[in-house]
Amino acid sequence: MNTAPAPRWRVSSRSGNGGNTCVEVADNLPDRVLVRDSTDRGGAMLTFAPVAWRSFVELVKSAG
């Protein structure tokens, strides 16, 4: 039986205050990217298809 990898969370390098006021992203999973609030790690999280997440990141990079 194959076990899915556990999410490996990371905080944005632009996060201030030691990473306590930002989002965390787990993009190590093969079929989804997870996003959560670093101040509420046990709360809700958003799920994106990898292609949608890459498009979002590229859009943010081009705007900044």
PDB file of N, CA and C in Angstrom:
ATOM      1  N   MET A   1       0.837  -1.178   0.000  1.00  0.00           N
ATOM      2  CA  MET A   1       0.000   0.000   0.000  1.00  0.00           C
ATOM      3  C   MET A   1       0.885   1.245   0.000  1.00  0.00           C
ATOM      4  N   ASN A   2       0.651   2.135  -0.934  1.00  0.00           N
ATOM      5  CA  ASN A   2       1.413   3.375  -1.043  1.00  0.00           C
ATOM      6  C   ASN A   2       0.834   4.425  -0.100  1.00  0.00           C
ATOM      7  N   THR A   3       1.696   5.050   0.674  1.00  0.00           N
ATOM      8  CA  THR A   3       1.257   6.100   1.581  1.00  0.00           C
ATOM      9  C   THR A   3       1.605   7.455   0.977  1.00  0.00           C
ATOM     10  N   ALA A   4       0.651   8.356   0.974  1.00  0.00           N
ATOM     11  CA  ALA A   4       0.885   9.699   0.443  1.00  0.00           C
ATOM     12  C   ALA A   4       1.867  10.433   1.347  1.00  0.00           C
ATOM     13  N   PRO A   5       2.709  11.282   0.760  1.00  0.00           N
ATOM     14  CA  PRO A   5       3.653  12.033   1.591  1.00  0.00           C
ATOM     15  C   PRO A   5       2.917  13.037   2.477  1.00  0.00           C
ATOM     16  N   ALA A   6       3.510  13.321   3.606  1.00  0.00           N
ATOM     17  CA  ALA A   6       2.943  14.329   4.508  1.00  0.00           C
ATOM     18  C   ALA A   6       3.250  15.720   3.950  1.00  0.00           C
ATOM     19  N   PRO A   7       2.355  16.673   4.142  1.00  0.00           N
ATOM     20  CA  PRO A   7       2.642  18.038   3.691  1.00  0.00           C
ATOM     21  C   PRO A   7       3.891  18.573   4.384  1.00  0.00           C
ATOM     22  N   ARG A   8       4.764  19.199   3.623  1.00  0.00           N
ATOM     23  CA  ARG A   8       5.964  19.848   4.157  1.00  0.00           C
ATOM     24  C   ARG A   8       5.724  21.354   4.055  1.00  0.00           C
ATOM     25  N   TRP A   9       5.370  21.975   5.164  1.00  0.00           N
ATOM     26  CA  TRP A   9       4.973  23.373   5.192  1.00  0.00           C
ATOM     27  C   TRP A   9       6.188  24.281   5.196  1.00  0.00           C
ATOM     28  N   ARG A  10       6.058  25.406   4.494  1.00  0.00           N
ATOM     29  CA  ARG A  10       7.093  26.442   4.505  1.00  0.00           C
ATOM     30  C   ARG A  10       6.414  27.802   4.541  1.00  0.00           C
ATOM     31  N   VAL A  11       7.143  28.758   5.113  1.00  0.00           N
ATOM     32  CA  VAL A  11       6.640  30.124   5.250  1.00  0.00           C
ATOM     33  C   VAL A  11       7.326  30.987   4.194  1.00  0.00           C
ATOM     34  N   SER A  12       6.616  31.949   3.672  1.00  0.00           N
ATOM     35  CA  SER A  12       7.163  32.864   2.688  1.00  0.00           C
ATOM     36  C   SER A  12       8.437  33.529   3.205  1.00  0.00           C
ATOM     37  N   SER A  13       9.424  33.698   2.334  1.00  0.00           N
ATOM     38  CA  SER A  13      10.658  34.387   2.716  1.00  0.00           C
ATOM     39  C   SER A  13      10.403  35.866   2.974  1.00  0.00           C
ATOM     40  N   ARG A  14       9.281  36.385   2.526  1.00  0.00           N
ATOM     41  CA  ARG A  14       8.917  37.785   2.761  1.00  0.00           C
ATOM     42  C   ARG A  14       8.062  37.969   4.005  1.00  0.00           C
ATOM     43  N   SER A  15       7.878  36.898   4.718  1.00  0.00           N
ATOM     44  CA  SER A  15       7.065  36.965   5.920  1.00  0.00           C
ATOM     45  C   SER A  15       7.795  37.763   6.993  1.00  0.00           C
ATOM     46  N   GLY A  16       7.069  38.655   7.627  1.00  0.00           N
ATOM     47  CA  GLY A  16       7.635  39.419   8.730  1.00  0.00           C
ATOM     48  C   GLY A  16       7.317  38.773  10.053  1.00  0.00           C
ATOM     49  N   ASN A  17       7.845  39.322  11.117  1.00  0.00           N
ATOM     50  CA  ASN A  17       7.506  38.907  12.474  1.00  0.00           C
ATOM     51  C   ASN A  17       7.789  37.425  12.721  1.00  0.00           C
ATOM     52  N   GLY A  18       8.880  36.919  12.166  1.00  0.00           N
ATOM     53  CA  GLY A  18       9.246  35.526  12.406  1.00  0.00           C
ATOM     54  C   GLY A  18       8.326  34.508  11.776  1.00  0.00           C
ATOM     55  N   GLY A  19       7.558  34.913  10.784  1.00  0.00           N
ATOM     56  CA  GLY A  19       6.661  33.985  10.114  1.00  0.00           C
ATOM     57  C   GLY A  19       5.320  33.821  10.794  1.00  0.00           C
ATOM     58  N   ASN A  20       5.021  34.667  11.758  1.00  0.00           N
ATOM     59  CA  ASN A  20       3.770  34.520  12.498  1.00  0.00           C
ATOM     60  C   ASN A  20       2.602  35.281  11.893  1.00  0.00           C
ATOM     61  N   THR A  21       2.803  35.996  10.807  1.00  0.00           N
ATOM     62  CA  THR A  21       1.722  36.783  10.200  1.00  0.00           C
ATOM     63  C   THR A  21       1.672  36.544   8.702  1.00  0.00           C
ATOM     64  N   CYS A  22       1.741  35.327   8.330  1.00  0.00           N
ATOM     65  CA  CYS A  22       1.820  35.024   6.901  1.00  0.00           C
ATOM     66  C   CYS A  22       1.072  33.729   6.613  1.00  0.00           C
ATOM     67  N   VAL A  23       1.129  33.337   5.374  1.00  0.00           N
ATOM     68  CA  VAL A  23       0.589  32.038   4.977  1.00  0.00           C
ATOM     69  C   VAL A  23       1.725  31.029   4.890  1.00  0.00           C
ATOM     70  N   GLU A  24       1.358  29.784   5.020  1.00  0.00           N
ATOM     71  CA  GLU A  24       2.289  28.686   4.822  1.00  0.00           C
ATOM     72  C   GLU A  24       1.799  27.881   3.628  1.00  0.00           C
ATOM     73  N   VAL A  25       2.738  27.335   2.887  1.00  0.00           N
ATOM     74  CA  VAL A  25       2.428  26.577   1.677  1.00  0.00           C
ATOM     75  C   VAL A  25       3.090  25.209   1.766  1.00  0.00           C
ATOM     76  N   ALA A  26       2.358  24.197   1.374  1.00  0.00           N
ATOM     77  CA  ALA A  26       2.911  22.846   1.225  1.00  0.00           C
ATOM     78  C   ALA A  26       2.772  22.494  -0.246  1.00  0.00           C
ATOM     79  N   ASP A  27       3.883  22.550  -0.966  1.00  0.00           N
ATOM     80  CA  ASP A  27       3.843  22.261  -2.411  1.00  0.00           C
ATOM     81  C   ASP A  27       4.643  21.018  -2.773  1.00  0.00           C
ATOM     82  N   ASN A  28       4.842  20.146  -1.807  1.00  0.00           N
ATOM     83  CA  ASN A  28       5.573  18.909  -2.055  1.00  0.00           C
ATOM     84  C   ASN A  28       4.675  17.732  -2.424  1.00  0.00           C
ATOM     85  N   LEU A  29       3.384  17.959  -2.459  1.00  0.00           N
ATOM     86  CA  LEU A  29       2.453  16.872  -2.766  1.00  0.00           C
ATOM     87  C   LEU A  29       2.254  16.758  -4.274  1.00  0.00           C
ATOM     88  N   PRO A  30       2.093  15.563  -4.783  1.00  0.00           N
ATOM     89  CA  PRO A  30       2.055  15.389  -6.239  1.00  0.00           C
ATOM     90  C   PRO A  30       0.819  15.955  -6.938  1.00  0.00           C
ATOM     91  N   ASP A  31      -0.317  16.032  -6.229  1.00  0.00           N
ATOM     92  CA  ASP A  31      -1.554  16.387  -6.922  1.00  0.00           C
ATOM     93  C   ASP A  31      -2.269  17.614  -6.367  1.00  0.00           C
ATOM     94  N   ARG A  32      -1.647  18.290  -5.403  1.00  0.00           N
ATOM     95  CA  ARG A  32      -2.294  19.479  -4.827  1.00  0.00           C
ATOM     96  C   ARG A  32      -1.276  20.338  -4.088  1.00  0.00           C
ATOM     97  N   VAL A  33      -1.615  21.597  -3.937  1.00  0.00           N
ATOM     98  CA  VAL A  33      -0.831  22.543  -3.151  1.00  0.00           C
ATOM     99  C   VAL A  33      -1.756  23.037  -2.040  1.00  0.00           C
ATOM    100  N   LEU A  34      -1.276  22.984  -0.821  1.00  0.00           N
ATOM    101  CA  LEU A  34      -2.074  23.402   0.332  1.00  0.00           C
ATOM    102  C   LEU A  34      -1.577  24.751   0.831  1.00  0.00           C
ATOM    103  N   VAL A  35      -2.501  25.591   1.274  1.00  0.00           N
ATOM    104  CA  VAL A  35      -2.175  26.915   1.804  1.00  0.00           C
ATOM    105  C   VAL A  35      -2.971  27.098   3.090  1.00  0.00           C
ATOM    106  N   ARG A  36      -2.276  27.573   4.137  1.00  0.00           N
ATOM    107  CA  ARG A  36      -2.954  27.805   5.419  1.00  0.00           C
ATOM    108  C   ARG A  36      -2.422  29.071   6.080  1.00  0.00           C
ATOM    109  N   ASP A  37      -3.165  29.558   7.037  1.00  0.00           N
ATOM    110  CA  ASP A  37      -2.811  30.730   7.824  1.00  0.00           C
ATOM    111  C   ASP A  37      -1.820  30.297   8.904  1.00  0.00           C
ATOM    112  N   SER A  38      -0.670  30.952   8.975  1.00  0.00           N
ATOM    113  CA  SER A  38       0.334  30.559   9.959  1.00  0.00           C
ATOM    114  C   SER A  38      -0.095  30.857  11.390  1.00  0.00           C
ATOM    115  N   THR A  39      -1.114  31.704  11.568  1.00  0.00           N
ATOM    116  CA  THR A  39      -1.595  31.998  12.923  1.00  0.00           C
ATOM    117  C   THR A  39      -2.699  31.043  13.355  1.00  0.00           C
ATOM    118  N   ASP A  40      -3.154  30.189  12.443  1.00  0.00           N
ATOM    119  CA  ASP A  40      -4.214  29.225  12.744  1.00  0.00           C
ATOM    120  C   ASP A  40      -3.918  27.923  12.017  1.00  0.00           C
ATOM    121  N   ARG A  41      -2.818  27.301  12.375  1.00  0.00           N
ATOM    122  CA  ARG A  41      -2.352  26.104  11.655  1.00  0.00           C
ATOM    123  C   ARG A  41      -3.323  24.941  11.706  1.00  0.00           C
ATOM    124  N   GLY A  42      -4.175  24.904  12.697  1.00  0.00           N
ATOM    125  CA  GLY A  42      -5.152  23.825  12.790  1.00  0.00           C
ATOM    126  C   GLY A  42      -6.473  24.153  12.116  1.00  0.00           C
ATOM    127  N   GLY A  43      -6.571  25.356  11.575  1.00  0.00           N
ATOM    128  CA  GLY A  43      -7.814  25.798  10.953  1.00  0.00           C
ATOM    129  C   GLY A  43      -7.931  25.338   9.507  1.00  0.00           C
ATOM    130  N   ALA A  44      -8.780  26.019   8.800  1.00  0.00           N
ATOM    131  CA  ALA A  44      -9.051  25.676   7.396  1.00  0.00           C
ATOM    132  C   ALA A  44      -7.814  25.890   6.531  1.00  0.00           C
ATOM    133  N   MET A  45      -7.767  25.164   5.452  1.00  0.00           N
ATOM    134  CA  MET A  45      -6.706  25.366   4.472  1.00  0.00           C
ATOM    135  C   MET A  45      -7.317  25.351   3.080  1.00  0.00           C
ATOM    136  N   LEU A  46      -6.651  26.045   2.187  1.00  0.00           N
ATOM    137  CA  LEU A  46      -7.078  26.062   0.787  1.00  0.00           C
ATOM    138  C   LEU A  46      -6.310  25.007   0.025  1.00  0.00           C
ATOM    139  N   THR A  47      -6.937  24.434  -0.980  1.00  0.00           N
ATOM    140  CA  THR A  47      -6.309  23.425  -1.826  1.00  0.00           C
ATOM    141  C   THR A  47      -6.366  23.890  -3.270  1.00  0.00           C
ATOM    142  N   PHE A  48      -5.220  23.840  -3.939  1.00  0.00           N
ATOM    143  CA  PHE A  48      -5.109  24.260  -5.337  1.00  0.00           C
ATOM    144  C   PHE A  48      -4.524  23.138  -6.177  1.00  0.00           C
ATOM    145  N   ALA A  49      -4.926  23.074  -7.424  1.00  0.00           N
ATOM    146  CA  ALA A  49      -4.238  22.211  -8.377  1.00  0.00           C
ATOM    147  C   ALA A  49      -2.858  22.829  -8.616  1.00  0.00           C
ATOM    148  N   PRO A  50      -1.823  22.021  -8.791  1.00  0.00           N
ATOM    149  CA  PRO A  50      -0.476  22.575  -8.989  1.00  0.00           C
ATOM    150  C   PRO A  50      -0.390  23.590 -10.127  1.00  0.00           C
ATOM    151  N   VAL A  51      -1.080  23.363 -11.222  1.00  0.00           N
ATOM    152  CA  VAL A  51      -1.009  24.303 -12.344  1.00  0.00           C
ATOM    153  C   VAL A  51      -1.653  25.640 -11.974  1.00  0.00           C
ATOM    154  N   ALA A  52      -2.732  25.605 -11.213  1.00  0.00           N
ATOM    155  CA  ALA A  52      -3.378  26.846 -10.779  1.00  0.00           C
ATOM    156  C   ALA A  52      -2.471  27.608  -9.818  1.00  0.00           C
ATOM    157  N   TRP A  53      -1.791  26.892  -8.916  1.00  0.00           N
ATOM    158  CA  TRP A  53      -0.879  27.542  -7.976  1.00  0.00           C
ATOM    159  C   TRP A  53       0.290  28.199  -8.716  1.00  0.00           C
ATOM    160  N   ARG A  54       0.871  27.496  -9.678  1.00  0.00           N
ATOM    161  CA  ARG A  54       1.992  28.072 -10.462  1.00  0.00           C
ATOM    162  C   ARG A  54       1.541  29.323 -11.200  1.00  0.00           C
ATOM    163  N   SER A  55       0.351  29.311 -11.753  1.00  0.00           N
ATOM    164  CA  SER A  55      -0.174  30.491 -12.446  1.00  0.00           C
ATOM    165  C   SER A  55      -0.329  31.658 -11.485  1.00  0.00           C
ATOM    166  N   PHE A  56      -0.841  31.397 -10.295  1.00  0.00           N
ATOM    167  CA  PHE A  56      -1.003  32.431  -9.281  1.00  0.00           C
ATOM    168  C   PHE A  56       0.350  33.016  -8.888  1.00  0.00           C
ATOM    169  N   VAL A  57       1.309  32.182  -8.626  1.00  0.00           N
ATOM    170  CA  VAL A  57       2.651  32.644  -8.220  1.00  0.00           C
ATOM    171  C   VAL A  57       3.271  33.495  -9.323  1.00  0.00           C
ATOM    172  N   GLU A  58       3.170  33.062 -10.556  1.00  0.00           N
ATOM    173  CA  GLU A  58       3.730  33.846 -11.666  1.00  0.00           C
ATOM    174  C   GLU A  58       3.039  35.200 -11.786  1.00  0.00           C
ATOM    175  N   LEU A  59       1.742  35.231 -11.598  1.00  0.00           N
ATOM    176  CA  LEU A  59       0.989  36.491 -11.655  1.00  0.00           C
ATOM    177  C   LEU A  59       1.455  37.443 -10.551  1.00  0.00           C
ATOM    178  N   VAL A  60       1.620  36.933  -9.353  1.00  0.00           N
ATOM    179  CA  VAL A  60       2.087  37.763  -8.235  1.00  0.00           C
ATOM    180  C   VAL A  60       3.497  38.282  -8.510  1.00  0.00           C
ATOM    181  N   LYS A  61       4.364  37.433  -9.013  1.00  0.00           N
ATOM    182  CA  LYS A  61       5.741  37.849  -9.319  1.00  0.00           C
ATOM    183  C   LYS A  61       5.755  38.957 -10.366  1.00  0.00           C
ATOM    184  N   SER A  62       4.915  38.851 -11.377  1.00  0.00           N
ATOM    185  CA  SER A  62       4.912  39.844 -12.454  1.00  0.00           C
ATOM    186  C   SER A  62       4.311  41.164 -12.003  1.00  0.00           C
ATOM    187  N   ALA A  63       3.480  41.137 -10.967  1.00  0.00           N
ATOM    188  CA  ALA A  63       2.857  42.364 -10.470  1.00  0.00           C
ATOM    189  C   ALA A  63       3.753  43.092  -9.468  1.00  0.00           C
ATOM    190  N   GLY A  64       4.743  42.403  -8.936  1.00  0.00           N
ATOM    191  CA  GLY A  64       5.501  42.986  -7.846  1.00  0.00           C
ATOM    192  C   GLY A  64       6.786  43.557  -8.181  1.00  0.00           C
TER     193      GLY A  64
END
